[in-house]
Amino acid sequence: MFPPKIWREFPQRYRLEASQCQKCNKIAFPPRLVCPGCGGRKFNAMKLARQGRLVHFTIIHTPPAGFEDQSPYAVGIVE
């Protein structure tokens, strides 16, 4: 991964920053350019709560190319 891309992704990954659509109030994480709910393009930045409920998780034992040195790792859905 290129250093400029890493720095651009820090806010969402490490501070849990999301975007909230000004039109329909849908929250998108990671932030998007187009709202998945209504197609709007105007967003407000927001910080997500630091606590949540783990809805589902899985352990990845066979990672995609380029991530072999990081397996096994967990991926989860938090509400």
N, C-alpha and C. Protein backbone atom coordinates (compact mmCIF):
# COMPACT_ATOMS: atom_id res chain seq x y z
N MET A 1 0.85 -1.18 0.00
CA MET A 1 0.00 0.00 0.00
C MET A 1 0.89 1.23 0.00
N PHE A 2 0.51 2.23 -0.77
CA PHE A 2 1.29 3.45 -0.87
C PHE A 2 1.05 4.35 0.34
N PRO A 3 2.11 5.03 0.84
CA PRO A 3 1.97 5.89 2.03
C PRO A 3 0.84 6.91 1.95
N PRO A 4 0.63 7.62 0.80
CA PRO A 4 -0.48 8.59 0.78
C PRO A 4 -1.83 7.92 1.03
N LYS A 5 -2.02 6.72 0.49
CA LYS A 5 -3.29 6.02 0.69
C LYS A 5 -3.46 5.63 2.16
N ILE A 6 -2.39 5.20 2.79
CA ILE A 6 -2.46 4.83 4.21
C ILE A 6 -2.91 6.02 5.04
N TRP A 7 -2.32 7.21 4.81
CA TRP A 7 -2.67 8.39 5.59
C TRP A 7 -4.11 8.82 5.36
N ARG A 8 -4.62 8.65 4.12
CA ARG A 8 -6.01 9.00 3.85
C ARG A 8 -6.97 8.07 4.58
N GLU A 9 -6.57 6.81 4.81
CA GLU A 9 -7.47 5.85 5.43
C GLU A 9 -7.38 5.85 6.96
N PHE A 10 -6.40 6.52 7.55
CA PHE A 10 -6.28 6.53 9.00
C PHE A 10 -7.53 6.99 9.73
N PRO A 11 -8.17 8.10 9.33
CA PRO A 11 -9.35 8.54 10.09
C PRO A 11 -10.43 7.48 10.22
N GLN A 12 -10.81 6.83 9.11
CA GLN A 12 -11.87 5.84 9.22
C GLN A 12 -11.44 4.60 10.00
N ARG A 13 -10.23 4.15 9.80
CA ARG A 13 -9.80 2.90 10.43
C ARG A 13 -9.49 3.03 11.91
N TYR A 14 -8.86 4.12 12.30
CA TYR A 14 -8.38 4.21 13.67
C TYR A 14 -9.19 5.16 14.55
N ARG A 15 -9.98 6.03 13.96
CA ARG A 15 -10.83 6.91 14.75
C ARG A 15 -12.30 6.61 14.52
N LEU A 16 -12.59 5.58 13.72
CA LEU A 16 -13.96 5.17 13.42
C LEU A 16 -14.80 6.34 12.91
N GLU A 17 -14.30 7.04 11.90
CA GLU A 17 -15.05 8.13 11.31
C GLU A 17 -15.91 7.61 10.16
N ALA A 18 -17.15 8.03 10.13
CA ALA A 18 -18.09 7.63 9.09
C ALA A 18 -18.67 8.88 8.46
N SER A 19 -19.59 8.70 7.51
CA SER A 19 -20.27 9.84 6.92
C SER A 19 -21.77 9.61 7.02
N GLN A 20 -22.51 10.69 7.26
CA GLN A 20 -23.97 10.62 7.37
C GLN A 20 -24.56 11.48 6.25
N CYS A 21 -25.41 10.87 5.45
CA CYS A 21 -26.04 11.54 4.32
C CYS A 21 -26.92 12.68 4.83
N GLN A 22 -26.80 13.86 4.23
CA GLN A 22 -27.62 15.00 4.62
C GLN A 22 -29.06 14.86 4.13
N LYS A 23 -29.28 14.01 3.13
CA LYS A 23 -30.61 13.86 2.54
C LYS A 23 -31.45 12.83 3.29
N CYS A 24 -30.89 11.62 3.55
CA CYS A 24 -31.68 10.55 4.17
C CYS A 24 -31.17 10.12 5.54
N ASN A 25 -30.06 10.71 6.01
CA ASN A 25 -29.45 10.42 7.32
C ASN A 25 -28.84 9.03 7.44
N LYS A 26 -28.67 8.29 6.33
CA LYS A 26 -28.04 6.98 6.39
C LYS A 26 -26.56 7.16 6.72
N ILE A 27 -26.04 6.30 7.59
CA ILE A 27 -24.64 6.35 7.99
C ILE A 27 -23.87 5.32 7.18
N ALA A 28 -22.75 5.74 6.60
CA ALA A 28 -21.93 4.85 5.79
C ALA A 28 -20.53 4.75 6.38
N PHE A 29 -20.08 3.52 6.58
CA PHE A 29 -18.72 3.26 7.04
C PHE A 29 -18.15 2.13 6.20
N PRO A 30 -17.03 2.33 5.54
CA PRO A 30 -16.25 3.56 5.50
C PRO A 30 -16.98 4.64 4.71
N PRO A 31 -16.57 5.91 4.86
CA PRO A 31 -17.23 7.00 4.14
C PRO A 31 -17.25 6.75 2.64
N ARG A 32 -18.33 7.18 1.99
CA ARG A 32 -18.50 6.97 0.55
C ARG A 32 -18.74 8.31 -0.14
N LEU A 33 -18.59 8.31 -1.45
CA LEU A 33 -18.85 9.52 -2.24
C LEU A 33 -20.32 9.63 -2.61
N VAL A 34 -21.01 8.47 -2.70
CA VAL A 34 -22.43 8.43 -3.05
C VAL A 34 -23.15 7.63 -1.98
N CYS A 35 -24.27 8.13 -1.48
CA CYS A 35 -25.05 7.46 -0.44
C CYS A 35 -25.64 6.15 -0.99
N PRO A 36 -25.44 5.03 -0.28
CA PRO A 36 -26.02 3.77 -0.72
C PRO A 36 -27.54 3.72 -0.53
N GLY A 37 -28.09 4.66 0.24
CA GLY A 37 -29.53 4.67 0.49
C GLY A 37 -30.32 5.46 -0.53
N CYS A 38 -29.86 6.69 -0.83
CA CYS A 38 -30.66 7.57 -1.70
C CYS A 38 -29.88 8.11 -2.90
N GLY A 39 -28.59 7.87 -2.94
CA GLY A 39 -27.79 8.38 -4.06
C GLY A 39 -27.30 9.81 -3.85
N GLY A 40 -27.55 10.37 -2.66
CA GLY A 40 -27.11 11.73 -2.37
C GLY A 40 -25.59 11.84 -2.34
N ARG A 41 -25.09 13.06 -2.50
CA ARG A 41 -23.64 13.28 -2.54
C ARG A 41 -23.16 14.28 -1.48
N LYS A 42 -24.02 14.66 -0.57
CA LYS A 42 -23.62 15.59 0.50
C LYS A 42 -23.65 14.84 1.83
N PHE A 43 -22.53 14.90 2.55
CA PHE A 43 -22.38 14.15 3.79
C PHE A 43 -21.86 15.02 4.90
N ASN A 44 -22.15 14.63 6.13
CA ASN A 44 -21.54 15.20 7.32
C ASN A 44 -20.64 14.14 7.91
N ALA A 45 -19.42 14.52 8.29
CA ALA A 45 -18.51 13.58 8.94
C ALA A 45 -19.01 13.34 10.36
N MET A 46 -18.88 12.12 10.83
CA MET A 46 -19.29 11.81 12.20
C MET A 46 -18.37 10.75 12.77
N LYS A 47 -18.22 10.78 14.07
CA LYS A 47 -17.39 9.80 14.77
C LYS A 47 -18.32 8.74 15.35
N LEU A 48 -18.03 7.48 15.08
CA LEU A 48 -18.85 6.38 15.58
C LEU A 48 -18.54 6.10 17.04
N ALA A 49 -19.48 5.47 17.72
CA ALA A 49 -19.30 5.11 19.13
C ALA A 49 -18.14 4.12 19.26
N ARG A 50 -17.44 4.17 20.36
CA ARG A 50 -16.31 3.27 20.58
C ARG A 50 -16.75 1.90 21.07
N GLN A 51 -18.02 1.74 21.39
CA GLN A 51 -18.53 0.45 21.83
C GLN A 51 -19.72 0.07 20.97
N GLY A 52 -19.93 -1.22 20.81
CA GLY A 52 -21.04 -1.71 20.01
C GLY A 52 -21.31 -3.16 20.35
N ARG A 53 -22.16 -3.78 19.55
CA ARG A 53 -22.50 -5.19 19.76
C ARG A 53 -21.99 -5.98 18.56
N LEU A 54 -21.20 -7.01 18.82
CA LEU A 54 -20.68 -7.86 17.77
C LEU A 54 -21.81 -8.76 17.27
N VAL A 55 -22.22 -8.57 16.02
CA VAL A 55 -23.35 -9.31 15.46
C VAL A 55 -22.88 -10.63 14.89
N HIS A 56 -21.75 -10.61 14.18
CA HIS A 56 -21.23 -11.83 13.55
C HIS A 56 -19.74 -11.65 13.32
N PHE A 57 -19.00 -12.77 13.31
CA PHE A 57 -17.58 -12.70 13.00
C PHE A 57 -17.15 -14.00 12.34
N THR A 58 -16.01 -13.93 11.69
CA THR A 58 -15.40 -15.12 11.11
C THR A 58 -13.88 -14.98 11.20
N ILE A 59 -13.20 -16.08 11.16
CA ILE A 59 -11.74 -16.10 11.19
C ILE A 59 -11.27 -16.46 9.78
N ILE A 60 -10.43 -15.61 9.19
CA ILE A 60 -9.89 -15.84 7.85
C ILE A 60 -8.58 -16.61 7.99
N HIS A 61 -8.56 -17.84 7.49
CA HIS A 61 -7.34 -18.66 7.52
C HIS A 61 -6.62 -18.67 6.18
N THR A 62 -7.35 -18.40 5.10
CA THR A 62 -6.76 -18.36 3.76
C THR A 62 -6.98 -16.96 3.20
N PRO A 63 -6.04 -16.06 3.45
CA PRO A 63 -6.23 -14.66 3.05
C PRO A 63 -5.99 -14.45 1.55
N PRO A 64 -6.43 -13.31 1.02
CA PRO A 64 -6.17 -12.98 -0.38
C PRO A 64 -4.68 -12.69 -0.59
N ALA A 65 -4.27 -12.71 -1.83
CA ALA A 65 -2.87 -12.44 -2.18
C ALA A 65 -2.40 -11.12 -1.58
N GLY A 66 -1.21 -11.14 -1.02
CA GLY A 66 -0.65 -9.94 -0.42
C GLY A 66 -0.86 -9.85 1.08
N PHE A 67 -1.73 -10.70 1.64
CA PHE A 67 -2.02 -10.66 3.08
C PHE A 67 -1.68 -11.98 3.76
N GLU A 68 -0.91 -12.82 3.09
CA GLU A 68 -0.58 -14.14 3.64
C GLU A 68 0.12 -14.06 4.99
N ASP A 69 0.94 -13.03 5.19
CA ASP A 69 1.68 -12.90 6.44
C ASP A 69 0.81 -12.43 7.60
N GLN A 70 -0.46 -12.08 7.35
CA GLN A 70 -1.33 -11.58 8.40
C GLN A 70 -2.37 -12.59 8.85
N SER A 71 -2.35 -13.78 8.30
CA SER A 71 -3.38 -14.77 8.69
C SER A 71 -2.91 -15.57 9.88
N PRO A 72 -3.81 -16.10 10.67
CA PRO A 72 -5.25 -15.89 10.60
C PRO A 72 -5.63 -14.54 11.21
N TYR A 73 -6.73 -13.97 10.70
CA TYR A 73 -7.24 -12.72 11.26
C TYR A 73 -8.76 -12.76 11.31
N ALA A 74 -9.32 -11.95 12.19
CA ALA A 74 -10.76 -11.93 12.39
C ALA A 74 -11.39 -10.75 11.67
N VAL A 75 -12.59 -10.97 11.14
CA VAL A 75 -13.39 -9.93 10.51
C VAL A 75 -14.77 -10.00 11.15
N GLY A 76 -15.34 -8.86 11.54
CA GLY A 76 -16.62 -8.90 12.20
C GLY A 76 -17.55 -7.78 11.76
N ILE A 77 -18.82 -7.95 12.09
CA ILE A 77 -19.85 -6.93 11.86
C ILE A 77 -20.29 -6.44 13.23
N VAL A 78 -20.17 -5.12 13.44
CA VAL A 78 -20.51 -4.52 14.72
C VAL A 78 -21.70 -3.60 14.51
N GLU A 79 -22.69 -3.72 15.37
CA GLU A 79 -23.88 -2.88 15.30
C GLU A 79 -23.76 -1.75 16.28
